[in-house]
Protein backbone atom coordinates (compact mmCIF):
# COMPACT_ATOMS: atom_id res chain seq x y z
CA UNK A 1 0.00 0.00 0.00
CA UNK A 2 1.70 3.11 -1.19
CA UNK A 3 0.88 6.73 -0.60
CA UNK A 4 2.13 9.99 0.72
CA UNK A 5 0.79 9.19 4.21
CA UNK A 6 0.80 12.86 5.14
CA UNK A 7 -0.45 11.78 7.69
CA UNK A 8 -1.47 8.10 7.76
CA UNK A 9 -5.04 7.97 9.05
CA UNK A 10 -7.73 5.51 10.05
CA UNK A 11 -9.01 4.99 6.48
CA UNK A 12 -5.50 3.89 5.39
CA UNK A 13 -5.44 1.35 8.20
CA UNK A 14 -8.95 0.14 7.43
CA UNK A 15 -7.99 -0.37 3.77
CA UNK A 16 -4.90 -2.33 4.84
CA UNK A 17 -6.96 -4.45 7.22
CA UNK A 18 -9.65 -5.08 4.61
CA UNK A 19 -7.05 -6.10 2.03
CA UNK A 20 -5.35 -8.39 4.54
CA UNK A 21 -8.63 -10.18 5.24
CA UNK A 22 -10.32 -10.04 1.81
CA UNK A 23 -7.25 -11.12 -0.15
CA UNK A 24 -5.83 -13.51 2.46
CA UNK A 25 -2.51 -11.64 2.52
CA UNK A 26 0.50 -12.58 4.61
CA UNK A 27 1.64 -9.01 5.18
CA UNK A 28 0.65 -5.46 4.23
CA UNK A 29 3.54 -3.11 3.48
CA UNK A 30 2.72 0.58 4.02
CA UNK A 31 5.19 2.36 1.74
CA UNK A 32 5.37 6.14 2.19
CA UNK A 33 6.47 7.85 -1.00
CA UNK A 34 9.95 9.27 -0.56
CA UNK A 35 9.57 11.93 -3.25
CA UNK A 36 6.08 11.74 -4.75
CA UNK A 37 6.52 12.94 -8.34
CA UNK A 38 2.80 13.62 -8.80
CA UNK A 39 2.95 16.12 -5.92
CA UNK A 40 6.08 17.93 -7.11
CA UNK A 41 4.18 21.24 -7.15
CA UNK A 42 2.64 20.78 -3.68
CA UNK A 43 4.07 21.11 -0.19
CA UNK A 44 4.67 17.67 1.36
CA UNK A 45 5.85 16.98 4.91
CA UNK A 46 9.39 15.58 5.04
CA UNK A 47 9.68 11.87 4.29
CA UNK A 48 11.32 11.31 7.70
CA UNK A 49 8.22 12.57 9.51
CA UNK A 50 5.88 10.65 7.20
CA UNK A 51 7.84 7.41 7.71
CA UNK A 52 7.84 7.84 11.48
CA UNK A 53 4.09 8.50 11.48
CA UNK A 54 3.58 5.40 9.33
CA UNK A 55 5.65 3.35 11.78
CA UNK A 56 3.49 4.68 14.62
CA UNK A 57 0.25 4.05 12.72
CA UNK A 58 1.13 0.44 11.90
CA UNK A 59 2.69 -0.43 15.27
CA UNK A 60 1.16 -3.29 17.18
CA UNK A 61 -0.34 -4.96 14.11
CA UNK A 62 1.82 -7.98 13.34
CA UNK A 63 0.90 -8.14 9.65
CA UNK A 64 1.45 -4.41 8.98
CA UNK A 65 4.94 -3.15 8.11
CA UNK A 66 6.05 0.43 7.63
CA UNK A 67 8.32 -0.05 4.63
CA UNK A 68 11.07 2.55 4.12
CA UNK A 69 12.23 1.49 0.63
CA UNK A 70 10.98 4.63 -1.14
CA UNK A 71 12.12 6.99 1.61
CA UNK A 72 15.67 5.64 1.45
CA UNK A 73 15.79 5.55 -2.37
CA UNK A 74 17.11 8.63 -4.15
CA UNK A 75 15.03 10.51 -6.71
CA UNK A 76 11.35 10.47 -7.47
CA UNK A 77 9.24 7.61 -6.11
CA UNK A 78 7.74 5.45 -8.84
CA UNK A 79 5.50 2.50 -8.03
CA UNK A 80 7.00 0.41 -10.86
CA UNK A 81 10.45 0.72 -9.26
CA UNK A 82 9.09 -0.21 -5.83
CA UNK A 83 7.20 -3.26 -7.07
CA UNK A 84 10.31 -4.44 -8.95
CA UNK A 85 12.20 -4.58 -5.64
CA UNK A 86 9.98 -7.35 -4.28
CA UNK A 87 10.82 -11.01 -4.93
CA UNK A 88 9.64 -12.09 -8.38
CA UNK A 89 7.84 -15.05 -6.79
CA UNK A 90 5.74 -12.83 -4.50
CA UNK A 91 2.08 -12.41 -5.40
CA UNK A 92 1.65 -8.65 -5.10
CA UNK A 93 -1.46 -6.58 -4.65
CA UNK A 94 -1.25 -2.81 -4.91
CA UNK A 95 -3.80 -1.32 -2.51
CA UNK A 96 -5.07 2.09 -3.59
CA UNK A 97 -8.05 4.33 -2.95
CA UNK A 98 -10.67 4.69 -5.66
CA UNK A 99 -9.51 8.27 -6.37
CA UNK A 100 -5.99 6.99 -7.03
CA UNK A 101 -7.25 4.07 -9.13
CA UNK A 102 -9.29 6.45 -11.29
CA UNK A 103 -6.08 8.37 -12.13
CA UNK A 104 -3.71 5.44 -12.59
CA UNK A 105 -3.53 5.75 -16.38
CA UNK A 106 -1.43 8.90 -15.81
CA UNK A 107 1.19 6.94 -13.86
CA UNK A 108 4.72 6.48 -15.10
CA UNK A 109 5.14 2.96 -16.57
CA UNK A 110 1.60 1.89 -15.68
CA UNK A 111 1.92 -1.24 -17.84
CA UNK A 112 4.81 -2.38 -15.63
CA UNK A 113 2.74 -1.73 -12.49
CA UNK A 114 -0.14 -3.77 -13.87
CA UNK A 115 2.23 -6.54 -14.93
CA UNK A 116 3.79 -6.74 -11.46
CA UNK A 117 0.67 -6.55 -9.29
CA UNK A 118 -3.05 -6.90 -9.00
CA UNK A 119 -4.89 -3.72 -8.08
CA UNK A 120 -7.03 -3.75 -4.93
CA UNK A 121 -9.27 -0.71 -4.60
CA UNK A 122 -10.69 0.82 -1.44
CA UNK A 123 -13.94 2.72 -2.05
CA UNK A 124 -13.54 6.44 -1.50
CA UNK A 125 -16.10 9.12 -0.79
CA UNK A 126 -16.34 11.42 -3.80
CA UNK A 127 -15.09 8.89 -6.36
CA UNK A 128 -17.72 6.99 -8.27
CA UNK A 129 -16.98 3.33 -8.97
CA UNK A 130 -17.63 3.99 -12.67
CA UNK A 131 -14.68 6.39 -12.79
CA UNK A 132 -12.41 3.48 -11.88
CA UNK A 133 -14.14 1.01 -14.19
CA UNK A 134 -13.85 3.44 -17.14
CA UNK A 135 -10.04 3.21 -16.91
CA UNK A 136 -10.24 -0.43 -18.00
CA UNK A 137 -7.75 -1.36 -15.30
CA UNK A 138 -8.64 -4.76 -13.85
CA UNK A 139 -9.14 -4.44 -10.12
CA UNK A 140 -10.54 -6.08 -7.03
CA UNK A 141 -12.82 -3.96 -4.85
CA UNK A 142 -12.22 -4.28 -1.13
CA UNK A 143 -15.23 -5.02 1.05
CA UNK A 144 -15.06 -2.10 3.43
CA UNK A 145 -17.18 0.85 4.43
CA UNK A 146 -16.60 4.15 2.71
CA UNK A 147 -14.81 6.33 5.24
CA UNK A 148 -14.88 10.06 4.61
CA UNK A 149 -11.37 10.78 5.90
CA UNK A 150 -8.56 12.25 3.85
CA UNK A 151 -5.06 13.32 4.78
CA UNK A 152 -5.88 16.76 3.37
CA UNK A 153 -8.79 17.04 5.78
CA UNK A 154 -6.63 15.94 8.72
CA UNK A 155 -3.96 18.52 7.83
CA UNK A 156 -6.53 21.27 7.31
CA UNK A 157 -8.27 20.51 10.61
CA UNK A 158 -4.95 20.45 12.48
CA UNK A 159 -3.89 23.75 10.92
CA UNK A 160 -7.22 25.37 11.82
CA UNK A 161 -7.06 24.09 15.39
CA UNK A 162 -10.10 21.84 14.85
CA UNK A 163 -10.57 18.35 16.20
CA UNK A 164 -8.86 15.53 14.31
CA UNK A 165 -7.83 13.36 17.28
CA UNK A 166 -9.82 10.27 16.30
CA UNK A 167 -9.06 10.42 12.58
CA UNK A 168 -5.55 9.10 13.29
CA UNK A 169 -4.19 6.61 15.82
CA UNK A 170 -3.44 8.14 19.26
CA UNK A 171 0.34 7.81 18.85
CA UNK A 172 0.16 9.58 15.46
CA UNK A 173 -1.96 12.33 17.01
CA UNK A 174 0.62 12.85 19.78
CA UNK A 175 3.46 12.95 17.24
CA UNK A 176 1.69 15.53 15.08
CA UNK A 177 0.94 17.66 18.14
CA UNK A 178 4.49 17.37 19.57
CA UNK A 179 6.13 18.26 16.27
CA UNK A 180 3.48 20.85 15.36
CA UNK A 181 3.52 19.36 11.86
CA UNK A 182 0.38 20.95 10.53
CA UNK A 183 -0.19 23.85 12.89
CA UNK A 184 -0.34 27.39 11.52
CA UNK A 185 1.87 28.71 14.31
């Protein structure tokens, strides 16, 4: 499961849990993008903070791993490169939100991504299932509730001094507060 994880929130964890159960996975790797090329024109919290928050978010779940391979790799983070680093014998599923799946045709080397993995899609508020289906990308829909949480909303709420405590795990909340990651002051 790749993403910016800025910050990792409850919907990310629910998608990982649903994939683990629905697809009978051995392990779910949460891979924060080191340098997300599709967000080159947007401010992104440092990869060190995002990796640490991902480690906190996945802690205590034996089949979740915070995977640092993109954070430690130089240059832009491309999913095709990340998938190629796994053992060729591994059966890989790429877990993405419906909004991401709907835009996958714009990805660098999408044919390689599709050749290396099966796509598992978490439903996402605001993204119609047809938008994903119209891409023609074969995918498996995860059986999970639609959760109206986004990292953008968490950041915006934190910056505005609004409540976001229960949108992230308690240890992630404490880290964000301690480091004042998204506060306006």
